Amino acid sequence: MTGCLTEAQLERLVRGPVPRVRGWLWRRHLRGCPHCRARYDELAEDRRLVAEIRAALRPPGSESRRPSDG
């Protein structure tokens, strides 16, 4: 698919932030390309699931504990 975003570009958009002009061009492409939009949505969902899993695996109270508390 000529003109489509690369996997690296899509991942960068999901992670954010992206330089303003480049990000604008990529987001504009996403609005008009169902293939790239679907892949972007998949990557965003994967990122959300990984964050949920990490949070679930974190020991209770670890998010409020600082190294100097210990």
Protein backbone atom coordinates (compact mmCIF):
# COMPACT_ATOMS: atom_id res chain seq x y z
CA MET A 1 0.00 0.00 0.00
CA THR A 2 1.83 3.04 -1.30
CA GLY A 3 1.78 6.04 0.99
CA CYS A 4 0.74 4.07 4.06
CA LEU A 5 2.44 4.59 7.39
CA THR A 6 5.11 2.16 8.48
CA GLU A 7 4.74 0.04 11.59
CA ALA A 8 7.33 2.26 13.31
CA GLN A 9 5.38 5.41 12.43
CA LEU A 10 2.14 3.91 13.75
CA GLU A 11 3.86 2.83 16.97
CA ARG A 12 5.31 6.30 17.39
CA LEU A 13 1.86 7.83 16.98
CA VAL A 14 0.48 5.48 19.63
CA ARG A 15 3.31 6.30 22.05
CA GLY A 16 3.23 10.03 21.30
CA PRO A 17 4.22 12.81 21.21
CA VAL A 18 5.14 13.26 17.57
CA PRO A 19 6.61 16.45 16.06
CA ARG A 20 3.75 18.75 15.12
CA VAL A 21 3.96 18.78 11.31
CA ARG A 22 4.84 15.10 10.99
CA GLY A 23 2.11 14.14 13.45
CA TRP A 24 -0.43 16.23 11.58
CA LEU A 25 0.44 14.51 8.30
CA TRP A 26 0.29 11.04 9.88
CA ARG A 27 -3.03 11.71 11.64
CA ARG A 28 -4.43 13.10 8.39
CA HIS A 29 -3.44 9.86 6.67
CA LEU A 30 -5.10 7.83 9.43
CA ARG A 31 -8.40 9.62 8.86
CA GLY A 32 -8.44 8.55 5.22
CA CYS A 33 -6.86 5.07 5.32
CA PRO A 34 -8.91 2.26 6.85
CA HIS A 35 -5.93 -0.13 6.75
CA CYS A 36 -3.64 2.17 8.76
CA ARG A 37 -6.47 3.18 11.10
CA ALA A 38 -7.22 -0.46 11.90
CA ARG A 39 -3.55 -1.19 12.62
CA TYR A 40 -3.25 1.97 14.74
CA ASP A 41 -6.31 0.88 16.77
CA GLU A 42 -4.77 -2.58 17.27
CA LEU A 43 -1.50 -1.08 18.50
CA ALA A 44 -3.33 1.31 20.83
CA GLU A 45 -5.36 -1.57 22.28
CA ASP A 46 -2.21 -3.67 22.75
CA ARG A 47 -0.57 -0.79 24.60
CA ARG A 48 -3.62 -0.40 26.84
CA LEU A 49 -3.70 -4.13 27.63
CA VAL A 50 0.02 -4.20 28.48
CA ALA A 51 -0.49 -1.27 30.87
CA GLU A 52 -3.39 -3.10 32.54
CA ILE A 53 -1.35 -6.30 32.92
CA ARG A 54 1.61 -4.41 34.38
CA ALA A 55 -0.67 -2.66 36.85
CA ALA A 56 -2.24 -5.98 37.87
CA LEU A 57 1.17 -7.58 38.42
CA ARG A 58 2.47 -4.72 40.55
CA PRO A 59 2.63 -5.59 44.25
CA PRO A 60 -0.03 -3.85 46.36
CA GLY A 61 1.09 -0.42 47.53
CA SER A 62 4.13 -0.34 45.25
CA GLU A 63 2.86 2.66 43.29
CA SER A 64 2.91 4.82 46.42
CA ARG A 65 6.22 3.53 47.82
CA ARG A 66 9.37 5.55 47.16
CA PRO A 67 12.88 4.04 47.34
CA SER A 68 13.71 6.31 50.28
CA ASP A 69 10.74 4.91 52.26
CA GLY A 70 12.34 1.66 52.68
